[in-house]
């Protein structure tokens, strides 16, 4: 029997939760951004995925659902795959 894991499955295995703190996502995938820029982008919904808080407090952390992060990875991969195929015919 073969298991077909998705990116979402791997993200769940890595983070062990369905919603990841935005700080953790940014440490891994956006290390070039400062905390100030991260929170500005999150408050304006300028990331390519939605960011949300569980509490109305401005001090509460932002979260990202792994499904949206997985969709982003899949989209970026498909774009890169097409570009590669175009360049290497």
Protein backbone atom coordinates (compact mmCIF):
# COMPACT_ATOMS: atom_id res chain seq x y z
CA UNK A 1 0.00 0.00 0.00
CA UNK A 2 1.40 3.37 -1.03
CA UNK A 3 0.90 6.58 0.91
CA UNK A 4 0.58 9.77 -1.10
CA UNK A 5 1.43 12.59 1.25
CA UNK A 6 0.56 16.15 0.32
CA UNK A 7 2.42 19.29 1.25
CA UNK A 8 -0.35 19.92 3.76
CA UNK A 9 0.38 16.53 5.35
CA UNK A 10 4.08 17.34 5.63
CA UNK A 11 3.35 20.76 7.11
CA UNK A 12 1.09 19.14 9.68
CA UNK A 13 3.80 16.62 10.56
CA UNK A 14 6.34 19.43 10.88
CA UNK A 15 4.26 21.85 12.94
CA UNK A 16 1.86 19.37 14.63
CA UNK A 17 -1.03 21.81 14.36
CA UNK A 18 -3.49 23.06 11.74
CA UNK A 19 -2.78 26.70 12.48
CA UNK A 20 0.80 27.92 12.67
CA UNK A 21 1.95 31.10 14.34
CA UNK A 22 2.94 33.61 11.70
CA UNK A 23 6.23 34.18 13.51
CA UNK A 24 7.14 30.51 12.97
CA UNK A 25 6.18 30.68 9.29
CA UNK A 26 8.28 33.80 8.82
CA UNK A 27 11.31 32.38 10.65
CA UNK A 28 11.29 29.49 8.20
CA UNK A 29 10.18 31.05 4.91
CA UNK A 30 10.58 34.84 5.28
CA UNK A 31 13.77 35.22 7.37
CA UNK A 32 14.62 38.49 5.61
CA UNK A 33 11.60 40.28 7.11
CA UNK A 34 11.79 42.17 10.38
CA UNK A 35 9.10 41.74 13.03
CA UNK A 36 7.84 45.23 12.26
CA UNK A 37 7.40 44.43 8.56
CA UNK A 38 5.80 41.07 9.38
CA UNK A 39 3.16 42.68 11.59
CA UNK A 40 2.53 45.51 9.13
CA UNK A 41 1.98 43.02 6.30
CA UNK A 42 -0.21 40.82 8.47
CA UNK A 43 -2.39 43.70 9.62
CA UNK A 44 -2.88 44.79 5.99
CA UNK A 45 -3.31 41.18 4.75
CA UNK A 46 -0.36 41.63 2.38
CA UNK A 47 0.98 38.08 2.64
CA UNK A 48 -0.09 35.63 -0.10
CA UNK A 49 -2.18 33.85 2.56
CA UNK A 50 -4.60 35.13 5.18
CA UNK A 51 -3.38 35.92 8.68
CA UNK A 52 -5.69 35.95 11.66
CA UNK A 53 -5.75 36.44 15.41
CA UNK A 54 -7.76 34.33 17.79
CA UNK A 55 -8.19 37.28 20.13
CA UNK A 56 -9.02 40.89 19.38
CA UNK A 57 -5.96 42.12 21.26
CA UNK A 58 -3.22 43.79 19.24
CA UNK A 59 -0.71 41.85 21.34
CA UNK A 60 -2.12 38.47 20.35
CA UNK A 61 -0.14 36.53 17.74
CA UNK A 62 -1.16 36.10 14.13
CA UNK A 63 -1.80 32.61 12.78
CA UNK A 64 -1.83 30.98 9.34
CA UNK A 65 -3.83 27.88 8.40
CA UNK A 66 -1.60 25.16 6.96
CA UNK A 67 -4.02 24.62 4.07
CA UNK A 68 -3.38 28.15 2.80
CA UNK A 69 0.37 27.73 3.18
CA UNK A 70 0.22 24.41 1.31
CA UNK A 71 -1.80 26.00 -1.51
CA UNK A 72 0.83 28.74 -1.80
CA UNK A 73 3.65 26.18 -2.02
CA UNK A 74 1.77 24.24 -4.68
CA UNK A 75 1.10 27.39 -6.71
CA UNK A 76 4.72 28.54 -6.54
CA UNK A 77 5.95 25.06 -7.44
CA UNK A 78 3.67 24.85 -10.50
CA UNK A 79 4.86 28.26 -11.72
CA UNK A 80 8.51 27.26 -11.30
CA UNK A 81 7.89 23.91 -12.98
CA UNK A 82 6.35 25.61 -16.03
CA UNK A 83 9.19 28.14 -16.19
CA UNK A 84 11.76 25.36 -16.00
CA UNK A 85 10.03 23.36 -18.73
CA UNK A 86 9.90 26.44 -20.96
CA UNK A 87 13.59 27.17 -20.49
CA UNK A 88 14.75 23.55 -20.90
CA UNK A 89 12.89 22.29 -23.96
